[in-house]
Amino acid sequence: MTDIITTAPGGRTVGAPPSVRRRNWAWLGLVPFFAFLSLFLVVPAISVFSGALKDNDGQFSVASMRAAFTGQNLDAFWFSVRFSAGSAFVGVVIGTLLAYAAATATRPRWLRNLVTSFSGVAANMGGLPLAFAFLTLLGKQGVLTKVLKAWGWDLYGGTFGLGEVPGLIVVYSYFQIPLMVLITLPAIDGLKQSWREACANLGGTTWTYWRRVGLPVLAPSLLGGFLLLFANSFSAYATAQILTQNSLIVPLRIGFYLGGDINAGEDSVGFALAAWMIIVMVVCMSIYWVARRRAERWRS
């Protein structure tokens, strides 16, 4: 078939054939991702909520969802929230200061690469190696514990313990601080030097710059980082399992119910705890996503 092309007055070409559309097969690269997402996230979540919303007879019921917030289960949620919020707060404060120091330091030039490299490794460390490291350092027979005791400070003379809220905050800060460094560095890089110069030209001080410009720009990233760190520590399992001798943490409580050492029918409470945990994670990640979108406006 021959396409007809005409020339309108003024030299404008009309009736040109449309470009041939080619099929784009790039979307096939997302198939493994969505398959992985479905098999290891969507399907298990549906199974958890299905088990949580049933009674012993298999009928729809919200009794297990209510039971997840009573007695020792409620204590486990409160304990998890306290040490997760504490470790997230420590991670945000120290991680932000460390990220700012690494981002603004001009000498030595290798300092930033060293900080980011270590943060990338430490942010993914957990489980048995991390617990063993802190047991040998801050355990009752740990090296630093004995050194402090020789100096007159008995670390375990009060309520401190690696399995309690202060101890877990210390342990979890090992990977929370590096994770916050990786989150905050791009946001700090987005602070333009021209903003500081404009503030100085208008008579503003350093405090004025941070109060009116710096902190408002970083606020979405800091809030998102706090929520991400909170979710990260709230869902951690292996490290807490080694350091604690009880089921005061929600993930350990879920393992207690689903481990088979309970009466028949009580496993629905374990599913309910897992369902509430999923809800907490979804809320935190949703707010983090919104905060990240707001923070990205300043990076253009």
C-alpha atoms as a PDB file:
ATOM      1  CA  MET A   1       0.000   0.000   0.000  1.00  0.00           C
ATOM      2  CA  THR A   2       1.338   3.415  -0.915  1.00  0.00           C
ATOM      3  CA  ASP A   3       0.801   6.257   1.538  1.00  0.00           C
ATOM      4  CA  ILE A   4      -0.283   9.561   0.005  1.00  0.00           C
ATOM      5  CA  ILE A   5       1.575  12.625   1.165  1.00  0.00           C
ATOM      6  CA  THR A   6       0.400  16.085   0.179  1.00  0.00           C
ATOM      7  CA  THR A   7       1.923  19.452   0.723  1.00  0.00           C
ATOM      8  CA  ALA A   8      -0.274  22.240   2.008  1.00  0.00           C
ATOM      9  CA  PRO A   9       0.310  25.904   1.166  1.00  0.00           C
ATOM     10  CA  GLY A  10       3.316  27.195   3.014  1.00  0.00           C
ATOM     11  CA  GLY A  11       5.235  23.937   2.658  1.00  0.00           C
ATOM     12  CA  ARG A  12       3.471  22.135   5.527  1.00  0.00           C
ATOM     13  CA  THR A  13       3.234  18.357   5.004  1.00  0.00           C
ATOM     14  CA  VAL A  14      -0.107  16.723   5.719  1.00  0.00           C
ATOM     15  CA  GLY A  15      -1.225  13.154   5.548  1.00  0.00           C
ATOM     16  CA  ALA A  16       2.142  11.737   6.640  1.00  0.00           C
ATOM     17  CA  PRO A  17       1.979   8.091   7.629  1.00  0.00           C
ATOM     18  CA  PRO A  18       2.031   7.472  11.389  1.00  0.00           C
ATOM     19  CA  SER A  19       5.132   5.866  12.780  1.00  0.00           C
ATOM     20  CA  VAL A  20       5.023   2.125  13.050  1.00  0.00           C
ATOM     21  CA  ARG A  21       4.361   1.098  16.633  1.00  0.00           C
ATOM     22  CA  ARG A  22       6.541  -1.651  17.985  1.00  0.00           C
ATOM     23  CA  ARG A  23       5.571  -3.834  20.852  1.00  0.00           C
ATOM     24  CA  ASN A  24       7.460  -3.062  24.026  1.00  0.00           C
ATOM     25  CA  TRP A  25       8.503  -6.251  25.792  1.00  0.00           C
ATOM     26  CA  ALA A  26      10.424  -4.486  28.562  1.00  0.00           C
ATOM     27  CA  TRP A  27       7.572  -5.140  31.003  1.00  0.00           C
ATOM     28  CA  LEU A  28       8.504  -8.829  30.980  1.00  0.00           C
ATOM     29  CA  GLY A  29      11.415  -7.918  33.227  1.00  0.00           C
ATOM     30  CA  LEU A  30       8.889  -7.135  35.991  1.00  0.00           C
ATOM     31  CA  VAL A  31       7.353 -10.614  35.899  1.00  0.00           C
ATOM     32  CA  PRO A  32       9.921 -12.182  38.314  1.00  0.00           C
ATOM     33  CA  PHE A  33       9.485  -9.230  40.675  1.00  0.00           C
ATOM     34  CA  PHE A  34       5.694  -9.480  40.810  1.00  0.00           C
ATOM     35  CA  ALA A  35       5.910 -13.267  41.088  1.00  0.00           C
ATOM     36  CA  PHE A  36       8.272 -12.925  44.064  1.00  0.00           C
ATOM     37  CA  LEU A  37       6.025 -10.221  45.571  1.00  0.00           C
ATOM     38  CA  SER A  38       2.953 -12.423  45.239  1.00  0.00           C
ATOM     39  CA  LEU A  39       4.502 -15.622  46.562  1.00  0.00           C
ATOM     40  CA  PHE A  40       6.357 -14.174  49.536  1.00  0.00           C
ATOM     41  CA  LEU A  41       4.233 -11.158  50.492  1.00  0.00           C
ATOM     42  CA  VAL A  42       0.699 -11.109  49.114  1.00  0.00           C
ATOM     43  CA  VAL A  43      -0.156 -14.800  49.509  1.00  0.00           C
ATOM     44  CA  PRO A  44       1.279 -15.057  53.077  1.00  0.00           C
ATOM     45  CA  ALA A  45      -0.536 -11.846  54.086  1.00  0.00           C
ATOM     46  CA  ILE A  46      -3.837 -13.223  52.801  1.00  0.00           C
ATOM     47  CA  SER A  47      -3.189 -16.472  54.677  1.00  0.00           C
ATOM     48  CA  VAL A  48      -2.419 -14.580  57.893  1.00  0.00           C
ATOM     49  CA  PHE A  49      -5.584 -12.480  57.787  1.00  0.00           C
ATOM     50  CA  SER A  50      -7.604 -15.565  56.846  1.00  0.00           C
ATOM     51  CA  GLY A  51      -6.377 -17.360  59.955  1.00  0.00           C
ATOM     52  CA  ALA A  52      -6.809 -14.297  62.169  1.00  0.00           C
ATOM     53  CA  LEU A  53     -10.451 -13.727  61.248  1.00  0.00           C
ATOM     54  CA  LYS A  54     -11.698 -17.216  62.093  1.00  0.00           C
ATOM     55  CA  ASP A  55     -12.774 -18.891  65.322  1.00  0.00           C
ATOM     56  CA  ASN A  56     -12.167 -22.486  66.399  1.00  0.00           C
ATOM     57  CA  ASP A  57     -15.039 -23.671  64.202  1.00  0.00           C
ATOM     58  CA  GLY A  58     -13.698 -21.925  61.113  1.00  0.00           C
ATOM     59  CA  GLN A  59     -16.377 -19.211  61.171  1.00  0.00           C
ATOM     60  CA  PHE A  60     -15.727 -15.513  60.691  1.00  0.00           C
ATOM     61  CA  SER A  61     -14.851 -13.830  63.972  1.00  0.00           C
ATOM     62  CA  VAL A  62     -12.811 -10.889  65.260  1.00  0.00           C
ATOM     63  CA  ALA A  63     -12.332 -12.411  68.715  1.00  0.00           C
ATOM     64  CA  SER A  64      -8.707 -13.296  67.975  1.00  0.00           C
ATOM     65  CA  MET A  65      -7.990  -9.750  66.782  1.00  0.00           C
ATOM     66  CA  ARG A  66      -9.298  -8.438  70.104  1.00  0.00           C
ATOM     67  CA  ALA A  67      -7.423 -11.086  72.089  1.00  0.00           C
ATOM     68  CA  ALA A  68      -4.185  -9.917  70.481  1.00  0.00           C
ATOM     69  CA  PHE A  69      -4.482  -6.705  72.536  1.00  0.00           C
ATOM     70  CA  THR A  70      -5.088  -8.256  75.943  1.00  0.00           C
ATOM     71  CA  GLY A  71      -2.883  -9.613  78.697  1.00  0.00           C
ATOM     72  CA  GLN A  72       0.661 -10.585  77.785  1.00  0.00           C
ATOM     73  CA  ASN A  73       0.000  -9.858  74.120  1.00  0.00           C
ATOM     74  CA  LEU A  74      -0.681  -6.219  74.932  1.00  0.00           C
ATOM     75  CA  ASP A  75       2.473  -6.118  77.062  1.00  0.00           C
ATOM     76  CA  ALA A  76       4.435  -7.486  74.108  1.00  0.00           C
ATOM     77  CA  PHE A  77       3.097  -4.763  71.819  1.00  0.00           C
ATOM     78  CA  TRP A  78       3.917  -2.048  74.364  1.00  0.00           C
ATOM     79  CA  PHE A  79       7.408  -3.462  74.939  1.00  0.00           C
ATOM     80  CA  SER A  80       8.078  -3.647  71.185  1.00  0.00           C
ATOM     81  CA  VAL A  81       6.818  -0.111  70.608  1.00  0.00           C
ATOM     82  CA  ARG A  82       9.014   1.297  73.379  1.00  0.00           C
ATOM     83  CA  PHE A  83      12.327  -0.179  72.286  1.00  0.00           C
ATOM     84  CA  SER A  84      11.527   0.276  68.570  1.00  0.00           C
ATOM     85  CA  ALA A  85      10.721   3.962  69.061  1.00  0.00           C
ATOM     86  CA  GLY A  86      13.801   4.390  71.261  1.00  0.00           C
ATOM     87  CA  SER A  87      16.179   2.764  68.782  1.00  0.00           C
ATOM     88  CA  ALA A  88      14.582   4.724  65.920  1.00  0.00           C
ATOM     89  CA  PHE A  89      15.039   8.011  67.809  1.00  0.00           C
ATOM     90  CA  VAL A  90      18.684   7.261  68.587  1.00  0.00           C
ATOM     91  CA  GLY A  91      19.246   6.236  64.985  1.00  0.00           C
ATOM     92  CA  VAL A  92      17.673   9.416  63.612  1.00  0.00           C
ATOM     93  CA  VAL A  93      19.623  11.790  65.872  1.00  0.00           C
ATOM     94  CA  ILE A  94      23.070  10.193  65.649  1.00  0.00           C
ATOM     95  CA  GLY A  95      22.644   9.006  62.061  1.00  0.00           C
ATOM     96  CA  THR A  96      21.636  12.470  60.837  1.00  0.00           C
ATOM     97  CA  LEU A  97      24.566  14.142  62.588  1.00  0.00           C
ATOM     98  CA  LEU A  98      26.974  11.541  61.204  1.00  0.00           C
ATOM     99  CA  ALA A  99      25.525  11.893  57.695  1.00  0.00           C
ATOM    100  CA  TYR A 100      25.824  15.689  57.864  1.00  0.00           C
ATOM    101  CA  ALA A 101      29.435  15.447  59.018  1.00  0.00           C
ATOM    102  CA  ALA A 102      30.276  13.030  56.195  1.00  0.00           C
ATOM    103  CA  ALA A 103      28.433  15.100  53.562  1.00  0.00           C
ATOM    104  CA  THR A 104      30.012  18.447  54.481  1.00  0.00           C
ATOM    105  CA  ALA A 105      33.538  17.272  55.272  1.00  0.00           C
ATOM    106  CA  THR A 106      35.931  18.254  52.501  1.00  0.00           C
ATOM    107  CA  ARG A 107      39.076  16.766  54.047  1.00  0.00           C
ATOM    108  CA  PRO A 108      40.007  14.008  54.042  1.00  0.00           C
ATOM    109  CA  ARG A 109      38.177  13.150  50.839  1.00  0.00           C
ATOM    110  CA  TRP A 110      37.989   9.446  51.622  1.00  0.00           C
ATOM    111  CA  LEU A 111      35.939  10.043  54.779  1.00  0.00           C
ATOM    112  CA  ARG A 112      32.562   9.988  53.036  1.00  0.00           C
ATOM    113  CA  ASN A 113      33.390   6.805  51.136  1.00  0.00           C
ATOM    114  CA  LEU A 114      34.483   5.164  54.373  1.00  0.00           C
ATOM    115  CA  VAL A 115      31.285   6.165  56.192  1.00  0.00           C
ATOM    116  CA  THR A 116      28.971   5.036  53.392  1.00  0.00           C
ATOM    117  CA  SER A 117      30.838   1.754  52.895  1.00  0.00           C
ATOM    118  CA  PHE A 118      30.694   0.895  56.584  1.00  0.00           C
ATOM    119  CA  SER A 119      27.035   1.957  56.776  1.00  0.00           C
ATOM    120  CA  GLY A 120      26.137  -0.302  53.880  1.00  0.00           C
ATOM    121  CA  VAL A 121      27.659  -3.286  55.684  1.00  0.00           C
ATOM    122  CA  ALA A 122      26.516  -2.502  59.250  1.00  0.00           C
ATOM    123  CA  ALA A 123      22.932  -1.696  58.197  1.00  0.00           C
ATOM    124  CA  ASN A 124      22.518  -5.318  57.050  1.00  0.00           C
ATOM    125  CA  MET A 125      24.144  -6.968  60.053  1.00  0.00           C
ATOM    126  CA  GLY A 126      21.953  -8.709  62.594  1.00  0.00           C
ATOM    127  CA  GLY A 127      20.949 -12.022  64.047  1.00  0.00           C
ATOM    128  CA  LEU A 128      23.420 -14.325  65.784  1.00  0.00           C
ATOM    129  CA  PRO A 129      26.657 -12.471  64.852  1.00  0.00           C
ATOM    130  CA  LEU A 130      25.375  -9.165  66.227  1.00  0.00           C
ATOM    131  CA  ALA A 131      23.961 -10.733  69.385  1.00  0.00           C
ATOM    132  CA  PHE A 132      27.185 -12.652  70.036  1.00  0.00           C
ATOM    133  CA  ALA A 133      29.257  -9.492  69.520  1.00  0.00           C
ATOM    134  CA  PHE A 134      27.268  -7.565  72.127  1.00  0.00           C
ATOM    135  CA  LEU A 135      27.191 -10.487  74.546  1.00  0.00           C
ATOM    136  CA  THR A 136      30.988 -10.601  74.500  1.00  0.00           C
ATOM    137  CA  LEU A 137      31.145  -6.818  74.838  1.00  0.00           C
ATOM    138  CA  LEU A 138      28.277  -5.829  77.147  1.00  0.00           C
ATOM    139  CA  GLY A 139      27.084  -9.151  78.567  1.00  0.00           C
ATOM    140  CA  LYS A 140      27.354  -9.892  82.278  1.00  0.00           C
ATOM    141  CA  GLN A 141      30.801 -11.339  81.615  1.00  0.00           C
ATOM    142  CA  GLY A 142      31.570  -9.028  78.705  1.00  0.00           C
ATOM    143  CA  VAL A 143      34.884  -7.282  78.203  1.00  0.00           C
ATOM    144  CA  LEU A 144      33.557  -3.733  78.487  1.00  0.00           C
ATOM    145  CA  THR A 145      31.353  -4.720  81.431  1.00  0.00           C
ATOM    146  CA  LYS A 146      34.392  -5.905  83.377  1.00  0.00           C
ATOM    147  CA  VAL A 147      36.376  -2.800  82.426  1.00  0.00           C
ATOM    148  CA  LEU A 148      33.573  -0.527  83.651  1.00  0.00           C
ATOM    149  CA  LYS A 149      33.255  -2.539  86.846  1.00  0.00           C
ATOM    150  CA  ALA A 150      36.992  -2.171  87.459  1.00  0.00           C
ATOM    151  CA  TRP A 151      36.500   1.586  87.172  1.00  0.00           C
ATOM    152  CA  GLY A 152      33.738   1.496  89.777  1.00  0.00           C
ATOM    153  CA  TRP A 153      30.650   1.346  87.542  1.00  0.00           C
ATOM    154  CA  ASP A 154      28.607  -1.839  87.819  1.00  0.00           C
ATOM    155  CA  LEU A 155      26.620  -1.857  84.593  1.00  0.00           C
ATOM    156  CA  TYR A 156      24.289  -4.554  85.872  1.00  0.00           C
ATOM    157  CA  GLY A 157      23.866  -3.030  89.291  1.00  0.00           C
ATOM    158  CA  GLY A 158      20.519  -1.569  88.266  1.00  0.00           C
ATOM    159  CA  THR A 159      17.899  -2.612  85.740  1.00  0.00           C
ATOM    160  CA  PHE A 160      20.145  -2.716  82.666  1.00  0.00           C
ATOM    161  CA  GLY A 161      20.099  -5.866  80.581  1.00  0.00           C
ATOM    162  CA  LEU A 162      20.635  -6.629  76.920  1.00  0.00           C
ATOM    163  CA  GLY A 163      17.166  -8.171  76.828  1.00  0.00           C
ATOM    164  CA  GLU A 164      15.484  -5.093  78.323  1.00  0.00           C
ATOM    165  CA  VAL A 165      14.457  -1.853  76.599  1.00  0.00           C
ATOM    166  CA  PRO A 166      17.740   0.079  77.196  1.00  0.00           C
ATOM    167  CA  GLY A 167      19.874  -2.901  76.190  1.00  0.00           C
ATOM    168  CA  LEU A 168      17.912  -3.592  73.018  1.00  0.00           C
ATOM    169  CA  ILE A 169      18.137   0.093  72.073  1.00  0.00           C
ATOM    170  CA  VAL A 170      21.921  -0.108  72.386  1.00  0.00           C
ATOM    171  CA  VAL A 171      22.126  -3.304  70.330  1.00  0.00           C
ATOM    172  CA  TYR A 172      19.692  -2.219  67.618  1.00  0.00           C
ATOM    173  CA  SER A 173      21.406   1.151  67.269  1.00  0.00           C
ATOM    174  CA  TYR A 174      24.321  -0.709  65.699  1.00  0.00           C
ATOM    175  CA  PHE A 175      22.368  -1.155  62.475  1.00  0.00           C
ATOM    176  CA  GLN A 176      19.834   1.655  62.939  1.00  0.00           C
ATOM    177  CA  ILE A 177      22.417   4.445  62.849  1.00  0.00           C
ATOM    178  CA  PRO A 178      24.117   3.259  59.621  1.00  0.00           C
ATOM    179  CA  LEU A 179      20.716   2.775  57.983  1.00  0.00           C
ATOM    180  CA  MET A 180      19.782   6.363  58.850  1.00  0.00           C
ATOM    181  CA  VAL A 181      23.072   7.565  57.379  1.00  0.00           C
ATOM    182  CA  LEU A 182      22.204   5.950  54.052  1.00  0.00           C
ATOM    183  CA  ILE A 183      18.691   7.432  54.161  1.00  0.00           C
ATOM    184  CA  THR A 184      19.727  10.967  55.114  1.00  0.00           C
ATOM    185  CA  LEU A 185      22.780  11.497  52.893  1.00  0.00           C
ATOM    186  CA  PRO A 186      20.771  12.166  49.688  1.00  0.00           C
ATOM    187  CA  ALA A 187      18.527  14.620  51.551  1.00  0.00           C
ATOM    188  CA  ILE A 188      21.521  16.518  52.971  1.00  0.00           C
ATOM    189  CA  ASP A 189      23.087  16.621  49.510  1.00  0.00           C
ATOM    190  CA  GLY A 190      19.879  18.325  48.377  1.00  0.00           C
ATOM    191  CA  LEU A 191      20.533  21.329  50.642  1.00  0.00           C
ATOM    192  CA  LYS A 192      21.802  23.937  48.196  1.00  0.00           C
ATOM    193  CA  GLN A 193      24.594  26.283  49.144  1.00  0.00           C
ATOM    194  CA  SER A 194      22.692  29.147  47.524  1.00  0.00           C
ATOM    195  CA  TRP A 195      19.983  28.838  50.198  1.00  0.00           C
ATOM    196  CA  ARG A 196      22.507  29.402  52.964  1.00  0.00           C
ATOM    197  CA  GLU A 197      24.050  32.320  51.088  1.00  0.00           C
ATOM    198  CA  ALA A 198      20.644  33.893  50.512  1.00  0.00           C
ATOM    199  CA  CYS A 199      19.829  33.555  54.220  1.00  0.00           C
ATOM    200  CA  ALA A 200      23.154  35.180  55.149  1.00  0.00           C
ATOM    201  CA  ASN A 201      22.601  38.032  52.672  1.00  0.00           C
ATOM    202  CA  LEU A 202      19.247  38.743  54.290  1.00  0.00           C
ATOM    203  CA  GLY A 203      20.886  38.978  57.711  1.00  0.00           C
ATOM    204  CA  GLY A 204      20.000  35.498  58.924  1.00  0.00           C
ATOM    205  CA  THR A 205      22.203  33.556  61.304  1.00  0.00           C
ATOM    206  CA  THR A 206      23.066  29.863  61.205  1.00  0.00           C
ATOM    207  CA  TRP A 207      20.228  29.179  63.619  1.00  0.00           C
ATOM    208  CA  THR A 208      17.842  31.116  61.362  1.00  0.00           C
ATOM    209  CA  TYR A 209      18.938  29.071  58.354  1.00  0.00           C
ATOM    210  CA  TRP A 210      18.333  25.743  60.076  1.00  0.00           C
ATOM    211  CA  ARG A 211      15.055  26.867  61.657  1.00  0.00           C
ATOM    212  CA  ARG A 212      13.568  28.447  58.519  1.00  0.00           C
ATOM    213  CA  VAL A 213      15.213  26.473  55.701  1.00  0.00           C
ATOM    214  CA  GLY A 214      17.338  23.461  56.630  1.00  0.00           C
ATOM    215  CA  LEU A 215      15.118  21.604  59.097  1.00  0.00           C
ATOM    216  CA  PRO A 216      11.846  22.206  57.176  1.00  0.00           C
ATOM    217  CA  VAL A 217      13.476  20.787  54.039  1.00  0.00           C
ATOM    218  CA  LEU A 218      14.900  17.793  55.930  1.00  0.00           C
ATOM    219  CA  ALA A 219      11.759  17.201  58.017  1.00  0.00           C
ATOM    220  CA  PRO A 220      10.048  14.785  55.563  1.00  0.00           C
ATOM    221  CA  SER A 221      13.255  12.742  55.240  1.00  0.00           C
ATOM    222  CA  LEU A 222      13.745  12.673  59.023  1.00  0.00           C
ATOM    223  CA  LEU A 223      10.135  11.618  59.607  1.00  0.00           C
ATOM    224  CA  GLY A 224      10.367   8.977  56.904  1.00  0.00           C
ATOM    225  CA  GLY A 225      13.653   7.725  58.324  1.00  0.00           C
ATOM    226  CA  PHE A 226      12.174   7.468  61.814  1.00  0.00           C
ATOM    227  CA  LEU A 227       9.229   5.417  60.534  1.00  0.00           C
ATOM    228  CA  LEU A 228      11.492   3.170  58.486  1.00  0.00           C
ATOM    229  CA  LEU A 229      13.787   2.576  61.456  1.00  0.00           C
ATOM    230  CA  PHE A 230      10.785   1.944  63.707  1.00  0.00           C
ATOM    231  CA  ALA A 231       9.418  -0.664  61.304  1.00  0.00           C
ATOM    232  CA  ASN A 232      12.873  -2.190  60.928  1.00  0.00           C
ATOM    233  CA  SER A 233      13.333  -2.765  64.661  1.00  0.00           C
ATOM    234  CA  PHE A 234       9.683  -3.637  65.310  1.00  0.00           C
ATOM    235  CA  SER A 235       9.880  -6.577  62.903  1.00  0.00           C
ATOM    236  CA  ALA A 236      13.375  -7.816  63.857  1.00  0.00           C
ATOM    237  CA  TYR A 237      13.367 -11.351  65.238  1.00  0.00           C
ATOM    238  CA  ALA A 238      16.671 -13.222  65.332  1.00  0.00           C
ATOM    239  CA  THR A 239      18.694 -10.777  67.459  1.00  0.00           C
ATOM    240  CA  ALA A 240      15.924 -10.353  70.033  1.00  0.00           C
ATOM    241  CA  GLN A 241      15.360 -14.089  70.226  1.00  0.00           C
ATOM    242  CA  ILE A 242      18.948 -14.644  71.328  1.00  0.00           C
ATOM    243  CA  LEU A 243      19.130 -11.731  73.775  1.00  0.00           C
ATOM    244  CA  THR A 244      15.759 -12.166  75.502  1.00  0.00           C
ATOM    245  CA  GLN A 245      14.570 -15.087  77.593  1.00  0.00           C
ATOM    246  CA  ASN A 246      10.849 -14.413  77.254  1.00  0.00           C
ATOM    247  CA  SER A 247       8.125 -13.605  74.748  1.00  0.00           C
ATOM    248  CA  LEU A 248       7.870  -9.886  75.482  1.00  0.00           C
ATOM    249  CA  ILE A 249       8.451  -8.954  71.832  1.00  0.00           C
ATOM    250  CA  VAL A 250       5.704  -9.303  69.243  1.00  0.00           C
ATOM    251  CA  PRO A 251       7.690 -11.448  66.738  1.00  0.00           C
ATOM    252  CA  LEU A 252       8.711 -13.820  69.548  1.00  0.00           C
ATOM    253  CA  ARG A 253       5.128 -13.881  70.792  1.00  0.00           C
ATOM    254  CA  ILE A 254       3.967 -14.898  67.315  1.00  0.00           C
ATOM    255  CA  GLY A 255       6.525 -17.704  67.288  1.00  0.00           C
ATOM    256  CA  PHE A 256       5.245 -18.812  70.702  1.00  0.00           C
ATOM    257  CA  TYR A 257       1.696 -19.189  69.387  1.00  0.00           C
ATOM    258  CA  LEU A 258       2.594 -20.732  66.051  1.00  0.00           C
ATOM    259  CA  GLY A 259       5.319 -23.027  67.395  1.00  0.00           C
ATOM    260  CA  GLY A 260       2.867 -25.753  68.388  1.00  0.00           C
ATOM    261  CA  ASP A 261       3.282 -25.501  72.187  1.00  0.00           C
ATOM    262  CA  ILE A 262      -0.229 -24.206  72.849  1.00  0.00           C
ATOM    263  CA  ASN A 263      -3.738 -25.575  73.084  1.00  0.00           C
ATOM    264  CA  ALA A 264      -5.687 -26.325  69.934  1.00  0.00           C
ATOM    265  CA  GLY A 265      -7.404 -23.258  68.498  1.00  0.00           C
ATOM    266  CA  GLU A 266      -5.089 -20.703  70.080  1.00  0.00           C
ATOM    267  CA  ASP A 267      -3.011 -20.441  66.928  1.00  0.00           C
ATOM    268  CA  SER A 268      -5.584 -17.935  65.645  1.00  0.00           C
ATOM    269  CA  VAL A 269      -4.251 -15.465  68.231  1.00  0.00           C
ATOM    270  CA  GLY A 270      -0.805 -15.877  66.693  1.00  0.00           C
ATOM    271  CA  PHE A 271      -2.263 -15.116  63.280  1.00  0.00           C
ATOM    272  CA  ALA A 272      -3.994 -12.078  64.802  1.00  0.00           C
ATOM    273  CA  LEU A 273      -0.711 -10.794  66.229  1.00  0.00           C
ATOM    274  CA  ALA A 274       0.890 -11.236  62.809  1.00  0.00           C
ATOM    275  CA  ALA A 275      -2.060  -9.426  61.198  1.00  0.00           C
ATOM    276  CA  TRP A 276      -1.706  -6.451  63.538  1.00  0.00           C
ATOM    277  CA  MET A 277       2.023  -6.452  62.864  1.00  0.00           C
ATOM    278  CA  ILE A 278       1.343  -6.286  59.119  1.00  0.00           C
ATOM    279  CA  ILE A 279      -1.038  -3.381  59.706  1.00  0.00           C
ATOM    280  CA  VAL A 280       1.626  -1.505  61.684  1.00  0.00           C
ATOM    281  CA  MET A 281       4.161  -2.116  58.902  1.00  0.00           C
ATOM    282  CA  VAL A 282       1.737  -0.936  56.198  1.00  0.00           C
ATOM    283  CA  VAL A 283       0.926   2.261  58.104  1.00  0.00           C
ATOM    284  CA  CYS A 284       4.606   3.055  58.697  1.00  0.00           C
ATOM    285  CA  MET A 285       5.591   2.339  55.093  1.00  0.00           C
ATOM    286  CA  SER A 286       2.669   4.391  53.729  1.00  0.00           C
ATOM    287  CA  ILE A 287       3.616   7.453  55.774  1.00  0.00           C
ATOM    288  CA  TYR A 288       7.268   6.895  54.834  1.00  0.00           C
ATOM    289  CA  TRP A 289       6.310   6.818  51.138  1.00  0.00           C
ATOM    290  CA  VAL A 290       4.371  10.091  51.457  1.00  0.00           C
ATOM    291  CA  ALA A 291       7.228  11.737  53.365  1.00  0.00           C
ATOM    292  CA  ARG A 292       9.725  10.572  50.754  1.00  0.00           C
ATOM    293  CA  ARG A 293       7.608  12.030  47.943  1.00  0.00           C
ATOM    294  CA  ARG A 294       7.542  15.387  49.741  1.00  0.00           C
ATOM    295  CA  ALA A 295      11.309  15.266  50.318  1.00  0.00           C
ATOM    296  CA  GLU A 296      12.016  14.579  46.647  1.00  0.00           C
ATOM    297  CA  ARG A 297      10.502  17.923  45.660  1.00  0.00           C
ATOM    298  CA  TRP A 298      13.665  19.685  46.852  1.00  0.00           C
ATOM    299  CA  ARG A 299      16.066  17.497  44.876  1.00  0.00           C
ATOM    300  CA  SER A 300      15.175  18.854  41.447  1.00  0.00           C
END
